[in-house]
Amino acid sequence: MTEHITRHKKELTCKVALSRIRREARKPGSTGWVKGGRQLEQPAFAARVVTSP
């Protein structure tokens, strides 16, 4: 029973992914992207640490 449910979830996930890829091919920009949570503000010129020369 568990294998059936797992297989069904995988098939559904693939179908959804393919439908979104196809829609994006037809209508560029149609795919929405999830934005991350609140980010700490960092200056564009933030110093980078070099660990090897």
C-alpha atoms as a PDB file:
ATOM      1  CA  MET A   1       0.000   0.000   0.000  1.00  0.00           C
ATOM      2  CA  THR A   2       2.787   2.426   0.890  1.00  0.00           C
ATOM      3  CA  GLU A   3       4.556   1.731  -2.409  1.00  0.00           C
ATOM      4  CA  HIS A   4       1.373   2.612  -4.288  1.00  0.00           C
ATOM      5  CA  ILE A   5       1.042   5.948  -2.495  1.00  0.00           C
ATOM      6  CA  THR A   6       4.719   6.753  -3.010  1.00  0.00           C
ATOM      7  CA  ARG A   7       4.503   5.905  -6.716  1.00  0.00           C
ATOM      8  CA  HIS A   8       1.371   8.046  -7.069  1.00  0.00           C
ATOM      9  CA  LYS A   9       3.092  11.028  -5.400  1.00  0.00           C
ATOM     10  CA  LYS A  10       6.101  10.691  -7.708  1.00  0.00           C
ATOM     11  CA  GLU A  11       3.896  10.518 -10.791  1.00  0.00           C
ATOM     12  CA  LEU A  12       1.877  13.537  -9.675  1.00  0.00           C
ATOM     13  CA  THR A  13       5.042  15.519  -8.951  1.00  0.00           C
ATOM     14  CA  CYS A  14       6.447  14.727 -12.400  1.00  0.00           C
ATOM     15  CA  LYS A  15       3.180  15.657 -14.122  1.00  0.00           C
ATOM     16  CA  VAL A  16       3.024  18.991 -12.317  1.00  0.00           C
ATOM     17  CA  ALA A  17       6.677  19.747 -13.062  1.00  0.00           C
ATOM     18  CA  LEU A  18       6.282  18.911 -16.754  1.00  0.00           C
ATOM     19  CA  SER A  19       3.121  20.981 -17.068  1.00  0.00           C
ATOM     20  CA  ARG A  20       4.901  23.994 -15.561  1.00  0.00           C
ATOM     21  CA  ILE A  21       7.910  23.541 -17.844  1.00  0.00           C
ATOM     22  CA  ARG A  22       5.603  23.342 -20.870  1.00  0.00           C
ATOM     23  CA  ARG A  23       3.682  26.435 -19.763  1.00  0.00           C
ATOM     24  CA  GLU A  24       6.941  28.336 -19.253  1.00  0.00           C
ATOM     25  CA  ALA A  25       7.992  27.347 -22.787  1.00  0.00           C
ATOM     26  CA  ARG A  26       4.710  28.699 -24.185  1.00  0.00           C
ATOM     27  CA  LYS A  27       4.540  31.789 -21.989  1.00  0.00           C
ATOM     28  CA  PRO A  28       7.972  32.913 -20.737  1.00  0.00           C
ATOM     29  CA  GLY A  29       7.802  34.494 -17.299  1.00  0.00           C
ATOM     30  CA  SER A  30       4.660  32.582 -16.317  1.00  0.00           C
ATOM     31  CA  THR A  31       6.405  30.536 -13.641  1.00  0.00           C
ATOM     32  CA  GLY A  32       6.272  32.079 -10.191  1.00  0.00           C
ATOM     33  CA  TRP A  33       9.246  31.745  -7.920  1.00  0.00           C
ATOM     34  CA  VAL A  34       9.056  31.473  -4.154  1.00  0.00           C
ATOM     35  CA  LYS A  35      11.026  34.211  -2.494  1.00  0.00           C
ATOM     36  CA  GLY A  36      13.020  33.528   0.620  1.00  0.00           C
ATOM     37  CA  GLY A  37      12.200  34.942   3.995  1.00  0.00           C
ATOM     38  CA  ARG A  38      13.413  38.236   5.341  1.00  0.00           C
ATOM     39  CA  GLN A  39      17.100  38.734   4.535  1.00  0.00           C
ATOM     40  CA  LEU A  40      19.654  40.677   6.505  1.00  0.00           C
ATOM     41  CA  GLU A  41      20.804  43.679   4.542  1.00  0.00           C
ATOM     42  CA  GLN A  42      24.365  43.374   3.240  1.00  0.00           C
ATOM     43  CA  PRO A  43      26.266  46.076   1.396  1.00  0.00           C
ATOM     44  CA  ALA A  44      27.194  45.272  -2.202  1.00  0.00           C
ATOM     45  CA  PHE A  45      30.853  45.800  -1.376  1.00  0.00           C
ATOM     46  CA  ALA A  46      30.939  43.388   1.584  1.00  0.00           C
ATOM     47  CA  ALA A  47      34.456  42.149   2.281  1.00  0.00           C
ATOM     48  CA  ARG A  48      35.217  38.587   1.324  1.00  0.00           C
ATOM     49  CA  VAL A  49      37.504  36.368   3.349  1.00  0.00           C
ATOM     50  CA  VAL A  50      40.194  34.632   1.302  1.00  0.00           C
ATOM     51  CA  THR A  51      41.259  31.322   2.833  1.00  0.00           C
ATOM     52  CA  SER A  52      43.935  30.341   0.312  1.00  0.00           C
ATOM     53  CA  PRO A  53      46.346  32.483  -1.722  1.00  0.00           C
END
